[in-house]
Amino acid sequence: MPKLKTKKAVAKRFRITKRGKIKRMKAGRSHILTKKSRNRKRKLKKSTVVSKSFLKMLRRALPYG
């Protein structure tokens, strides 16, 4: 069986934790920041865990994570 290729676009955006969960950064913090509240921008800084509906697709894209 040949080696599986990692999807590099996915590898740049997601990280796998020691427990096997997949972390991602929140969207919406790159531009048009003046209309967003200070509190909202601060919450967008933090990373979150990917929802269960995406896990199967991401595990296939990151085979050696």
N, C-alpha and C. Protein backbone atom coordinates (compact mmCIF):
# COMPACT_ATOMS: atom_id res chain seq x y z
N MET A 1 0.85 -1.19 0.00
CA MET A 1 0.00 0.00 0.00
C MET A 1 0.89 1.25 0.00
N PRO A 2 0.64 2.20 -0.90
CA PRO A 2 1.48 3.40 -0.96
C PRO A 2 1.23 4.32 0.22
N LYS A 3 2.17 5.23 0.43
CA LYS A 3 2.01 6.22 1.48
C LYS A 3 0.88 7.17 1.13
N LEU A 4 0.19 7.67 2.15
CA LEU A 4 -0.90 8.61 1.93
C LEU A 4 -0.35 10.02 1.92
N LYS A 5 -0.91 10.86 1.06
CA LYS A 5 -0.46 12.24 0.99
C LYS A 5 -1.29 13.11 1.93
N THR A 6 -0.61 14.04 2.60
CA THR A 6 -1.27 15.01 3.45
C THR A 6 -1.73 16.18 2.61
N LYS A 7 -2.96 16.64 2.84
CA LYS A 7 -3.44 17.85 2.17
C LYS A 7 -2.78 19.05 2.85
N LYS A 8 -1.85 19.70 2.15
CA LYS A 8 -1.05 20.76 2.75
C LYS A 8 -1.88 21.97 3.14
N ALA A 9 -2.93 22.28 2.40
CA ALA A 9 -3.79 23.41 2.75
C ALA A 9 -4.46 23.17 4.10
N VAL A 10 -4.83 21.92 4.35
CA VAL A 10 -5.47 21.56 5.62
C VAL A 10 -4.43 21.56 6.74
N ALA A 11 -3.23 21.08 6.46
CA ALA A 11 -2.18 21.01 7.47
C ALA A 11 -1.78 22.39 7.98
N LYS A 12 -1.88 23.41 7.13
CA LYS A 12 -1.53 24.77 7.54
C LYS A 12 -2.60 25.38 8.43
N ARG A 13 -3.84 24.94 8.30
CA ARG A 13 -4.95 25.57 9.02
C ARG A 13 -5.37 24.85 10.30
N PHE A 14 -5.02 23.59 10.43
CA PHE A 14 -5.48 22.80 11.58
C PHE A 14 -4.31 22.15 12.30
N ARG A 15 -4.44 21.97 13.61
CA ARG A 15 -3.43 21.29 14.42
C ARG A 15 -4.12 20.19 15.21
N ILE A 16 -3.43 19.09 15.40
CA ILE A 16 -3.98 17.98 16.18
C ILE A 16 -3.39 18.02 17.58
N THR A 17 -4.25 17.97 18.60
CA THR A 17 -3.80 18.02 19.98
C THR A 17 -3.31 16.64 20.41
N LYS A 18 -2.72 16.56 21.57
CA LYS A 18 -2.22 15.28 22.08
C LYS A 18 -3.35 14.28 22.29
N ARG A 19 -4.53 14.76 22.63
CA ARG A 19 -5.68 13.89 22.85
C ARG A 19 -6.38 13.49 21.56
N GLY A 20 -5.93 14.02 20.43
CA GLY A 20 -6.50 13.63 19.15
C GLY A 20 -7.59 14.55 18.62
N LYS A 21 -7.86 15.64 19.35
CA LYS A 21 -8.84 16.60 18.85
C LYS A 21 -8.15 17.49 17.81
N ILE A 22 -8.94 18.16 17.00
CA ILE A 22 -8.39 19.03 15.96
C ILE A 22 -8.74 20.47 16.30
N LYS A 23 -7.69 21.32 16.39
CA LYS A 23 -7.86 22.73 16.72
C LYS A 23 -7.86 23.58 15.46
N ARG A 24 -8.58 24.69 15.52
CA ARG A 24 -8.58 25.65 14.42
C ARG A 24 -8.70 27.06 14.99
N MET A 25 -8.33 28.04 14.18
CA MET A 25 -8.52 29.43 14.58
C MET A 25 -9.88 29.89 14.06
N LYS A 26 -10.45 30.88 14.73
CA LYS A 26 -11.75 31.40 14.32
C LYS A 26 -11.61 32.33 13.13
N ALA A 27 -12.63 32.36 12.31
CA ALA A 27 -12.62 33.21 11.12
C ALA A 27 -13.10 34.61 11.47
N GLY A 28 -12.77 35.58 10.62
CA GLY A 28 -13.32 36.92 10.75
C GLY A 28 -12.42 37.90 11.45
N ARG A 29 -11.11 37.64 11.52
CA ARG A 29 -10.23 38.57 12.22
C ARG A 29 -9.16 39.16 11.30
N SER A 30 -9.38 39.11 9.99
CA SER A 30 -8.36 39.59 9.07
C SER A 30 -8.59 41.01 8.59
N HIS A 31 -9.83 41.42 8.39
CA HIS A 31 -10.11 42.78 7.93
C HIS A 31 -11.51 43.20 8.34
N ILE A 32 -11.86 44.45 8.07
CA ILE A 32 -13.12 45.08 8.50
C ILE A 32 -13.28 44.94 10.02
N LEU A 33 -12.28 45.40 10.75
CA LEU A 33 -12.29 45.23 12.20
C LEU A 33 -12.91 46.43 12.92
N THR A 34 -13.12 47.55 12.22
CA THR A 34 -13.60 48.75 12.90
C THR A 34 -15.03 48.60 13.39
N LYS A 35 -15.87 47.87 12.66
CA LYS A 35 -17.27 47.72 13.08
C LYS A 35 -17.47 46.63 14.11
N LYS A 36 -16.44 45.81 14.35
CA LYS A 36 -16.56 44.74 15.33
C LYS A 36 -16.17 45.26 16.71
N SER A 37 -16.89 44.81 17.71
CA SER A 37 -16.62 45.30 19.06
C SER A 37 -15.31 44.72 19.60
N ARG A 38 -14.78 45.40 20.59
CA ARG A 38 -13.53 44.98 21.21
C ARG A 38 -13.66 43.58 21.79
N ASN A 39 -14.81 43.34 22.42
CA ASN A 39 -15.07 42.04 23.04
C ASN A 39 -15.13 40.93 21.97
N ARG A 40 -15.77 41.22 20.85
CA ARG A 40 -15.89 40.24 19.77
C ARG A 40 -14.52 39.92 19.17
N LYS A 41 -13.70 40.95 18.95
CA LYS A 41 -12.36 40.73 18.38
C LYS A 41 -11.49 39.92 19.33
N ARG A 42 -11.65 40.15 20.61
CA ARG A 42 -10.86 39.41 21.60
C ARG A 42 -11.25 37.93 21.59
N LYS A 43 -12.53 37.65 21.43
CA LYS A 43 -12.98 36.25 21.36
C LYS A 43 -12.53 35.57 20.08
N LEU A 44 -12.38 36.33 19.00
CA LEU A 44 -11.95 35.76 17.73
C LEU A 44 -10.47 35.36 17.75
N LYS A 45 -9.69 35.90 18.71
CA LYS A 45 -8.27 35.56 18.81
C LYS A 45 -8.07 34.10 19.20
N LYS A 46 -8.97 33.58 20.00
CA LYS A 46 -8.78 32.26 20.60
C LYS A 46 -9.06 31.13 19.61
N SER A 47 -8.41 30.01 19.83
CA SER A 47 -8.64 28.84 18.98
C SER A 47 -9.79 28.01 19.56
N THR A 48 -10.37 27.18 18.70
CA THR A 48 -11.47 26.31 19.13
C THR A 48 -11.23 24.91 18.60
N VAL A 49 -12.06 24.00 19.03
CA VAL A 49 -11.99 22.61 18.57
C VAL A 49 -12.99 22.44 17.43
N VAL A 50 -12.61 21.69 16.44
CA VAL A 50 -13.46 21.46 15.27
C VAL A 50 -14.67 20.62 15.67
N SER A 51 -15.83 20.90 15.08
CA SER A 51 -17.05 20.16 15.40
C SER A 51 -16.97 18.72 14.87
N LYS A 52 -17.79 17.87 15.42
CA LYS A 52 -17.75 16.44 15.09
C LYS A 52 -18.09 16.15 13.64
N SER A 53 -18.90 17.03 13.02
CA SER A 53 -19.33 16.78 11.65
C SER A 53 -18.18 16.86 10.65
N PHE A 54 -17.10 17.59 10.99
CA PHE A 54 -15.97 17.73 10.09
C PHE A 54 -14.83 16.75 10.38
N LEU A 55 -14.89 16.05 11.49
CA LEU A 55 -13.76 15.22 11.92
C LEU A 55 -13.38 14.15 10.91
N LYS A 56 -14.33 13.45 10.34
CA LYS A 56 -14.03 12.36 9.42
C LYS A 56 -13.29 12.88 8.19
N MET A 57 -13.74 14.00 7.65
CA MET A 57 -13.11 14.60 6.48
C MET A 57 -11.69 15.08 6.80
N LEU A 58 -11.50 15.69 7.97
CA LEU A 58 -10.19 16.21 8.34
C LEU A 58 -9.20 15.09 8.66
N ARG A 59 -9.66 14.02 9.26
CA ARG A 59 -8.75 12.90 9.56
C ARG A 59 -8.25 12.25 8.27
N ARG A 60 -9.08 12.24 7.24
CA ARG A 60 -8.67 11.72 5.95
C ARG A 60 -7.66 12.64 5.28
N ALA A 61 -7.79 13.95 5.49
CA ALA A 61 -6.89 14.92 4.88
C ALA A 61 -5.57 15.00 5.63
N LEU A 62 -5.57 14.63 6.93
CA LEU A 62 -4.36 14.65 7.75
C LEU A 62 -4.05 13.23 8.24
N PRO A 63 -3.59 12.35 7.37
CA PRO A 63 -3.47 10.94 7.75
C PRO A 63 -2.42 10.65 8.81
N TYR A 64 -1.35 11.45 8.89
CA TYR A 64 -0.29 11.15 9.85
C TYR A 64 -0.24 12.17 10.96
N GLY A 65 -1.37 12.75 11.34
CA GLY A 65 -1.40 13.82 12.33
C GLY A 65 -1.35 13.35 13.73
